[in-house]
């Protein structure tokens, strides 16, 4: 759980954002219960640049509310 006192901006952003299931970048794997995965290109590029490793999937809980979260309404 994210603490309001340690990360107030991310905490408030998460409160104001709709759920990740309505985002165009969200995808879920069949048979997997829990949070889905986010297909956010900016976060993957940053991870590859810093860690030097290629990233296939990222949990939505890691990206949601951060500056890399580009919420797009699913049509």
PDB file of N, CA and C in Angstrom:
ATOM      1  N   UNK A   1       0.836  -1.177   0.000  1.00  0.00           N
ATOM      2  CA  UNK A   1       0.000   0.000   0.000  1.00  0.00           C
ATOM      3  C   UNK A   1       0.881   1.239   0.000  1.00  0.00           C
ATOM      4  N   UNK A   2       0.510   2.182  -0.781  1.00  0.00           N
ATOM      5  CA  UNK A   2       1.266   3.421  -0.912  1.00  0.00           C
ATOM      6  C   UNK A   2       0.897   4.388   0.210  1.00  0.00           C
ATOM      7  N   UNK A   3       1.883   4.989   0.819  1.00  0.00           N
ATOM      8  CA  UNK A   3       1.654   5.909   1.924  1.00  0.00           C
ATOM      9  C   UNK A   3       1.451   7.332   1.398  1.00  0.00           C
ATOM     10  N   UNK A   4       0.442   8.008   1.948  1.00  0.00           N
ATOM     11  CA  UNK A   4       0.190   9.397   1.567  1.00  0.00           C
ATOM     12  C   UNK A   4       1.340  10.299   1.998  1.00  0.00           C
ATOM     13  N   UNK A   5       1.914  10.027   3.146  1.00  0.00           N
ATOM     14  CA  UNK A   5       2.961  10.890   3.681  1.00  0.00           C
ATOM     15  C   UNK A   5       4.266  10.754   2.917  1.00  0.00           C
ATOM     16  N   UNK A   6       4.543   9.605   2.357  1.00  0.00           N
ATOM     17  CA  UNK A   6       5.800   9.418   1.616  1.00  0.00           C
ATOM     18  C   UNK A   6       5.685   9.840   0.157  1.00  0.00           C
ATOM     19  N   UNK A   7       4.534   9.582  -0.464  1.00  0.00           N
ATOM     20  CA  UNK A   7       4.331   9.891  -1.879  1.00  0.00           C
ATOM     21  C   UNK A   7       2.965  10.552  -2.081  1.00  0.00           C
ATOM     22  N   UNK A   8       2.803  11.800  -1.658  1.00  0.00           N
ATOM     23  CA  UNK A   8       1.471  12.418  -1.731  1.00  0.00           C
ATOM     24  C   UNK A   8       0.967  12.642  -3.157  1.00  0.00           C
ATOM     25  N   UNK A   9       1.849  12.972  -4.087  1.00  0.00           N
ATOM     26  CA  UNK A   9       1.420  13.249  -5.454  1.00  0.00           C
ATOM     27  C   UNK A   9       0.912  11.976  -6.132  1.00  0.00           C
ATOM     28  N   UNK A  10       1.650  10.895  -6.004  1.00  0.00           N
ATOM     29  CA  UNK A  10       1.229   9.622  -6.606  1.00  0.00           C
ATOM     30  C   UNK A  10      -0.060   9.138  -5.949  1.00  0.00           C
ATOM     31  N   UNK A  11      -0.171   9.295  -4.639  1.00  0.00           N
ATOM     32  CA  UNK A  11      -1.369   8.871  -3.923  1.00  0.00           C
ATOM     33  C   UNK A  11      -2.608   9.601  -4.437  1.00  0.00           C
ATOM     34  N   UNK A  12      -2.506  10.910  -4.618  1.00  0.00           N
ATOM     35  CA  UNK A  12      -3.645  11.699  -5.109  1.00  0.00           C
ATOM     36  C   UNK A  12      -3.969  11.362  -6.557  1.00  0.00           C
ATOM     37  N   UNK A  13      -2.951  11.163  -7.377  1.00  0.00           N
ATOM     38  CA  UNK A  13      -3.193  10.781  -8.776  1.00  0.00           C
ATOM     39  C   UNK A  13      -3.936   9.455  -8.866  1.00  0.00           C
ATOM     40  N   UNK A  14      -3.569   8.511  -8.012  1.00  0.00           N
ATOM     41  CA  UNK A  14      -4.244   7.209  -8.034  1.00  0.00           C
ATOM     42  C   UNK A  14      -5.698   7.321  -7.613  1.00  0.00           C
ATOM     43  N   UNK A  15      -5.991   8.243  -6.716  1.00  0.00           N
ATOM     44  CA  UNK A  15      -7.374   8.445  -6.302  1.00  0.00           C
ATOM     45  C   UNK A  15      -8.217   9.042  -7.425  1.00  0.00           C
ATOM     46  N   UNK A  16      -7.630   9.919  -8.220  1.00  0.00           N
ATOM     47  CA  UNK A  16      -8.365  10.622  -9.260  1.00  0.00           C
ATOM     48  C   UNK A  16      -8.469   9.858 -10.579  1.00  0.00           C
ATOM     49  N   UNK A  17      -7.564   8.928 -10.819  1.00  0.00           N
ATOM     50  CA  UNK A  17      -7.593   8.156 -12.067  1.00  0.00           C
ATOM     51  C   UNK A  17      -8.674   7.080 -12.036  1.00  0.00           C
ATOM     52  N   UNK A  18      -9.314   6.829 -13.172  1.00  0.00           N
ATOM     53  CA  UNK A  18     -10.219   5.675 -13.243  1.00  0.00           C
ATOM     54  C   UNK A  18      -9.415   4.370 -13.149  1.00  0.00           C
ATOM     55  N   UNK A  19     -10.084   3.267 -13.058  1.00  0.00           N
ATOM     56  CA  UNK A  19      -9.384   1.984 -12.924  1.00  0.00           C
ATOM     57  C   UNK A  19      -8.616   1.658 -14.195  1.00  0.00           C
ATOM     58  N   UNK A  20      -7.605   0.838 -14.047  1.00  0.00           N
ATOM     59  CA  UNK A  20      -6.756   0.479 -15.184  1.00  0.00           C
ATOM     60  C   UNK A  20      -7.497  -0.383 -16.215  1.00  0.00           C
ATOM     61  N   UNK A  21      -8.551  -1.039 -15.796  1.00  0.00           N
ATOM     62  CA  UNK A  21      -9.286  -1.904 -16.724  1.00  0.00           C
ATOM     63  C   UNK A  21      -9.978  -1.122 -17.826  1.00  0.00           C
ATOM     64  N   UNK A  22     -10.157   0.175 -17.656  1.00  0.00           N
ATOM     65  CA  UNK A  22     -10.781   1.000 -18.691  1.00  0.00           C
ATOM     66  C   UNK A  22      -9.743   1.729 -19.539  1.00  0.00           C
ATOM     67  N   UNK A  23      -8.470   1.424 -19.347  1.00  0.00           N
ATOM     68  CA  UNK A  23      -7.391   2.077 -20.094  1.00  0.00           C
ATOM     69  C   UNK A  23      -7.069   1.287 -21.363  1.00  0.00           C
ATOM     70  N   UNK A  24      -6.668   1.979 -22.405  1.00  0.00           N
ATOM     71  CA  UNK A  24      -6.325   1.335 -23.673  1.00  0.00           C
ATOM     72  C   UNK A  24      -5.003   0.572 -23.574  1.00  0.00           C
ATOM     73  N   UNK A  25      -4.139   0.938 -22.630  1.00  0.00           N
ATOM     74  CA  UNK A  25      -2.842   0.271 -22.473  1.00  0.00           C
ATOM     75  C   UNK A  25      -2.903  -0.969 -21.579  1.00  0.00           C
ATOM     76  N   UNK A  26      -4.054  -1.268 -21.015  1.00  0.00           N
ATOM     77  CA  UNK A  26      -4.206  -2.389 -20.087  1.00  0.00           C
ATOM     78  C   UNK A  26      -4.463  -3.688 -20.856  1.00  0.00           C
ATOM     79  N   UNK A  27      -3.826  -4.761 -20.415  1.00  0.00           N
ATOM     80  CA  UNK A  27      -4.178  -6.079 -20.934  1.00  0.00           C
ATOM     81  C   UNK A  27      -4.045  -7.104 -19.811  1.00  0.00           C
ATOM     82  N   UNK A  28      -4.904  -8.104 -19.862  1.00  0.00           N
ATOM     83  CA  UNK A  28      -4.921  -9.134 -18.821  1.00  0.00           C
ATOM     84  C   UNK A  28      -4.691 -10.494 -19.466  1.00  0.00           C
ATOM     85  N   UNK A  29      -4.116 -11.373 -18.706  1.00  0.00           N
ATOM     86  CA  UNK A  29      -3.845 -12.729 -19.167  1.00  0.00           C
ATOM     87  C   UNK A  29      -4.950 -13.631 -18.635  1.00  0.00           C
ATOM     88  N   UNK A  30      -5.465 -14.518 -19.479  1.00  0.00           N
ATOM     89  CA  UNK A  30      -6.523 -15.433 -19.041  1.00  0.00           C
ATOM     90  C   UNK A  30      -5.991 -16.364 -17.959  1.00  0.00           C
ATOM     91  N   UNK A  31      -6.775 -16.573 -16.943  1.00  0.00           N
ATOM     92  CA  UNK A  31      -6.391 -17.449 -15.843  1.00  0.00           C
ATOM     93  C   UNK A  31      -5.569 -16.743 -14.770  1.00  0.00           C
ATOM     94  N   UNK A  32      -5.314 -15.475 -14.965  1.00  0.00           N
ATOM     95  CA  UNK A  32      -4.547 -14.725 -13.977  1.00  0.00           C
ATOM     96  C   UNK A  32      -5.498 -13.841 -13.201  1.00  0.00           C
ATOM     97  N   UNK A  33      -5.658 -14.106 -11.892  1.00  0.00           N
ATOM     98  CA  UNK A  33      -6.541 -13.240 -11.110  1.00  0.00           C
ATOM     99  C   UNK A  33      -5.691 -12.258 -10.330  1.00  0.00           C
ATOM    100  N   UNK A  34      -6.081 -11.075 -10.370  1.00  0.00           N
ATOM    101  CA  UNK A  34      -5.329 -10.002  -9.723  1.00  0.00           C
ATOM    102  C   UNK A  34      -5.230  -8.827 -10.677  1.00  0.00           C
ATOM    103  N   UNK A  35      -4.264  -8.013 -10.453  1.00  0.00           N
ATOM    104  CA  UNK A  35      -4.095  -6.848 -11.321  1.00  0.00           C
ATOM    105  C   UNK A  35      -3.597  -7.278 -12.693  1.00  0.00           C
ATOM    106  N   UNK A  36      -3.920  -6.507 -13.690  1.00  0.00           N
ATOM    107  CA  UNK A  36      -3.484  -6.814 -15.039  1.00  0.00           C
ATOM    108  C   UNK A  36      -2.109  -6.225 -15.311  1.00  0.00           C
ATOM    109  N   UNK A  37      -1.781  -6.176 -16.568  1.00  0.00           N
ATOM    110  CA  UNK A  37      -0.491  -5.659 -16.971  1.00  0.00           C
ATOM    111  C   UNK A  37      -0.686  -4.391 -17.793  1.00  0.00           C
ATOM    112  N   UNK A  38       0.319  -3.536 -17.788  1.00  0.00           N
ATOM    113  CA  UNK A  38       0.261  -2.281 -18.525  1.00  0.00           C
ATOM    114  C   UNK A  38       1.268  -2.336 -19.661  1.00  0.00           C
ATOM    115  N   UNK A  39       0.868  -1.851 -20.813  1.00  0.00           N
ATOM    116  CA  UNK A  39       1.728  -1.835 -21.985  1.00  0.00           C
ATOM    117  C   UNK A  39       2.193  -0.402 -22.245  1.00  0.00           C
ATOM    118  N   UNK A  40       2.839   0.178 -21.264  1.00  0.00           N
ATOM    119  CA  UNK A  40       3.284   1.568 -21.343  1.00  0.00           C
ATOM    120  C   UNK A  40       4.700   1.619 -21.894  1.00  0.00           C
ATOM    121  N   UNK A  41       4.846   2.169 -23.078  1.00  0.00           N
ATOM    122  CA  UNK A  41       6.133   2.195 -23.775  1.00  0.00           C
ATOM    123  C   UNK A  41       7.173   3.054 -23.045  1.00  0.00           C
ATOM    124  N   UNK A  42       6.764   4.190 -22.488  1.00  0.00           N
ATOM    125  CA  UNK A  42       7.712   5.087 -21.820  1.00  0.00           C
ATOM    126  C   UNK A  42       8.377   4.411 -20.616  1.00  0.00           C
ATOM    127  N   UNK A  43       7.590   3.669 -19.847  1.00  0.00           N
ATOM    128  CA  UNK A  43       8.146   2.995 -18.674  1.00  0.00           C
ATOM    129  C   UNK A  43       9.105   1.885 -19.092  1.00  0.00           C
ATOM    130  N   UNK A  44       8.739   1.130 -20.122  1.00  0.00           N
ATOM    131  CA  UNK A  44       9.631   0.063 -20.593  1.00  0.00           C
ATOM    132  C   UNK A  44      10.937   0.629 -21.136  1.00  0.00           C
ATOM    133  N   UNK A  45      10.871   1.752 -21.855  1.00  0.00           N
ATOM    134  CA  UNK A  45      12.095   2.378 -22.359  1.00  0.00           C
ATOM    135  C   UNK A  45      12.992   2.843 -21.220  1.00  0.00           C
ATOM    136  N   UNK A  46      12.389   3.413 -20.196  1.00  0.00           N
ATOM    137  CA  UNK A  46      13.156   3.864 -19.035  1.00  0.00           C
ATOM    138  C   UNK A  46      13.803   2.688 -18.316  1.00  0.00           C
ATOM    139  N   UNK A  47      13.060   1.615 -18.153  1.00  0.00           N
ATOM    140  CA  UNK A  47      13.584   0.432 -17.475  1.00  0.00           C
ATOM    141  C   UNK A  47      14.750  -0.166 -18.259  1.00  0.00           C
ATOM    142  N   UNK A  48      14.606  -0.262 -19.583  1.00  0.00           N
ATOM    143  CA  UNK A  48      15.680  -0.808 -20.414  1.00  0.00           C
ATOM    144  C   UNK A  48      16.920   0.078 -20.366  1.00  0.00           C
ATOM    145  N   UNK A  49      16.722   1.384 -20.293  1.00  0.00           N
ATOM    146  CA  UNK A  49      17.837   2.322 -20.253  1.00  0.00           C
ATOM    147  C   UNK A  49      18.596   2.227 -18.929  1.00  0.00           C
ATOM    148  N   UNK A  50      17.856   2.129 -17.822  1.00  0.00           N
ATOM    149  CA  UNK A  50      18.488   2.111 -16.504  1.00  0.00           C
ATOM    150  C   UNK A  50      19.031   0.731 -16.154  1.00  0.00           C
ATOM    151  N   UNK A  51      18.216  -0.304 -16.328  1.00  0.00           N
ATOM    152  CA  UNK A  51      18.602  -1.655 -15.907  1.00  0.00           C
ATOM    153  C   UNK A  51      19.394  -2.412 -16.974  1.00  0.00           C
ATOM    154  N   UNK A  52      19.214  -2.038 -18.230  1.00  0.00           N
ATOM    155  CA  UNK A  52      19.888  -2.755 -19.307  1.00  0.00           C
ATOM    156  C   UNK A  52      19.231  -4.085 -19.639  1.00  0.00           C
ATOM    157  N   UNK A  53      18.028  -4.286 -19.157  1.00  0.00           N
ATOM    158  CA  UNK A  53      17.282  -5.521 -19.366  1.00  0.00           C
ATOM    159  C   UNK A  53      16.015  -5.216 -20.151  1.00  0.00           C
ATOM    160  N   UNK A  54      15.573  -6.168 -20.955  1.00  0.00           N
ATOM    161  CA  UNK A  54      14.327  -5.965 -21.684  1.00  0.00           C
ATOM    162  C   UNK A  54      13.156  -6.385 -20.803  1.00  0.00           C
ATOM    163  N   UNK A  55      12.103  -5.598 -20.829  1.00  0.00           N
ATOM    164  CA  UNK A  55      10.951  -5.835 -19.975  1.00  0.00           C
ATOM    165  C   UNK A  55       9.759  -6.220 -20.847  1.00  0.00           C
ATOM    166  N   UNK A  56       9.166  -7.370 -20.558  1.00  0.00           N
ATOM    167  CA  UNK A  56       8.009  -7.823 -21.335  1.00  0.00           C
ATOM    168  C   UNK A  56       6.707  -7.277 -20.776  1.00  0.00           C
ATOM    169  N   UNK A  57       6.497  -7.497 -19.492  1.00  0.00           N
ATOM    170  CA  UNK A  57       5.243  -7.102 -18.849  1.00  0.00           C
ATOM    171  C   UNK A  57       5.540  -6.298 -17.598  1.00  0.00           C
ATOM    172  N   UNK A  58       4.622  -5.403 -17.290  1.00  0.00           N
ATOM    173  CA  UNK A  58       4.741  -4.602 -16.078  1.00  0.00           C
ATOM    174  C   UNK A  58       3.386  -4.596 -15.381  1.00  0.00           C
ATOM    175  N   UNK A  59       3.394  -4.808 -14.088  1.00  0.00           N
ATOM    176  CA  UNK A  59       2.147  -4.762 -13.337  1.00  0.00           C
ATOM    177  C   UNK A  59       1.597  -3.341 -13.338  1.00  0.00           C
ATOM    178  N   UNK A  60       0.290  -3.233 -13.433  1.00  0.00           N
ATOM    179  CA  UNK A  60      -0.362  -1.921 -13.416  1.00  0.00           C
ATOM    180  C   UNK A  60      -0.096  -1.179 -12.112  1.00  0.00           C
ATOM    181  N   UNK A  61       0.046  -1.912 -11.035  1.00  0.00           N
ATOM    182  CA  UNK A  61       0.264  -1.273  -9.736  1.00  0.00           C
ATOM    183  C   UNK A  61       1.601  -0.551  -9.664  1.00  0.00           C
ATOM    184  N   UNK A  62       2.569  -0.929 -10.500  1.00  0.00           N
ATOM    185  CA  UNK A  62       3.862  -0.260 -10.502  1.00  0.00           C
ATOM    186  C   UNK A  62       3.811   1.070 -11.246  1.00  0.00           C
ATOM    187  N   UNK A  63       2.945   1.187 -12.233  1.00  0.00           N
ATOM    188  CA  UNK A  63       2.914   2.363 -13.098  1.00  0.00           C
ATOM    189  C   UNK A  63       1.806   3.329 -12.738  1.00  0.00           C
ATOM    190  N   UNK A  64       0.705   2.837 -12.241  1.00  0.00           N
ATOM    191  CA  UNK A  64      -0.488   3.670 -12.014  1.00  0.00           C
ATOM    192  C   UNK A  64      -0.195   4.854 -11.105  1.00  0.00           C
ATOM    193  N   UNK A  65      -0.492   6.050 -11.596  1.00  0.00           N
ATOM    194  CA  UNK A  65      -0.308   7.270 -10.827  1.00  0.00           C
ATOM    195  C   UNK A  65       1.051   7.923 -10.995  1.00  0.00           C
ATOM    196  N   UNK A  66       1.995   7.246 -11.630  1.00  0.00           N
ATOM    197  CA  UNK A  66       3.308   7.841 -11.841  1.00  0.00           C
ATOM    198  C   UNK A  66       3.296   8.683 -13.106  1.00  0.00           C
ATOM    199  N   UNK A  67       4.390   9.336 -13.393  1.00  0.00           N
ATOM    200  CA  UNK A  67       4.444  10.186 -14.588  1.00  0.00           C
ATOM    201  C   UNK A  67       4.454   9.382 -15.877  1.00  0.00           C
ATOM    202  N   UNK A  68       4.678   8.080 -15.789  1.00  0.00           N
ATOM    203  CA  UNK A  68       4.682   7.228 -16.976  1.00  0.00           C
ATOM    204  C   UNK A  68       3.296   6.690 -17.318  1.00  0.00           C
ATOM    205  N   UNK A  69       2.353   6.894 -16.439  1.00  0.00           N
ATOM    206  CA  UNK A  69       0.990   6.415 -16.671  1.00  0.00           C
ATOM    207  C   UNK A  69       0.295   7.347 -17.660  1.00  0.00           C
ATOM    208  N   UNK A  70       0.083   6.862 -18.860  1.00  0.00           N
ATOM    209  CA  UNK A  70      -0.609   7.636 -19.897  1.00  0.00           C
ATOM    210  C   UNK A  70      -1.988   7.010 -20.081  1.00  0.00           C
ATOM    211  N   UNK A  71      -2.929   7.475 -19.266  1.00  0.00           N
ATOM    212  CA  UNK A  71      -4.265   6.908 -19.317  1.00  0.00           C
ATOM    213  C   UNK A  71      -4.972   7.346 -20.608  1.00  0.00           C
ATOM    214  N   UNK A  72      -5.448   6.368 -21.367  1.00  0.00           N
ATOM    215  CA  UNK A  72      -6.205   6.631 -22.588  1.00  0.00           C
ATOM    216  C   UNK A  72      -7.525   5.895 -22.457  1.00  0.00           C
ATOM    217  N   UNK A  73      -8.619   6.594 -22.704  1.00  0.00           N
ATOM    218  CA  UNK A  73      -9.946   5.993 -22.566  1.00  0.00           C
ATOM    219  C   UNK A  73     -10.125   4.909 -23.613  1.00  0.00           C
ATOM    220  N   UNK A  74     -10.613   3.755 -23.177  1.00  0.00           N
ATOM    221  CA  UNK A  74     -10.899   2.639 -24.074  1.00  0.00           C
ATOM    222  C   UNK A  74     -12.218   2.887 -24.770  1.00  0.00           C
ATOM    223  N   UNK A  75     -12.221   2.828 -26.074  1.00  0.00           N
ATOM    224  CA  UNK A  75     -13.453   3.124 -26.838  1.00  0.00           C
ATOM    225  C   UNK A  75     -14.297   1.916 -27.041  1.00  0.00           C
TER     226      UNK A  75
END
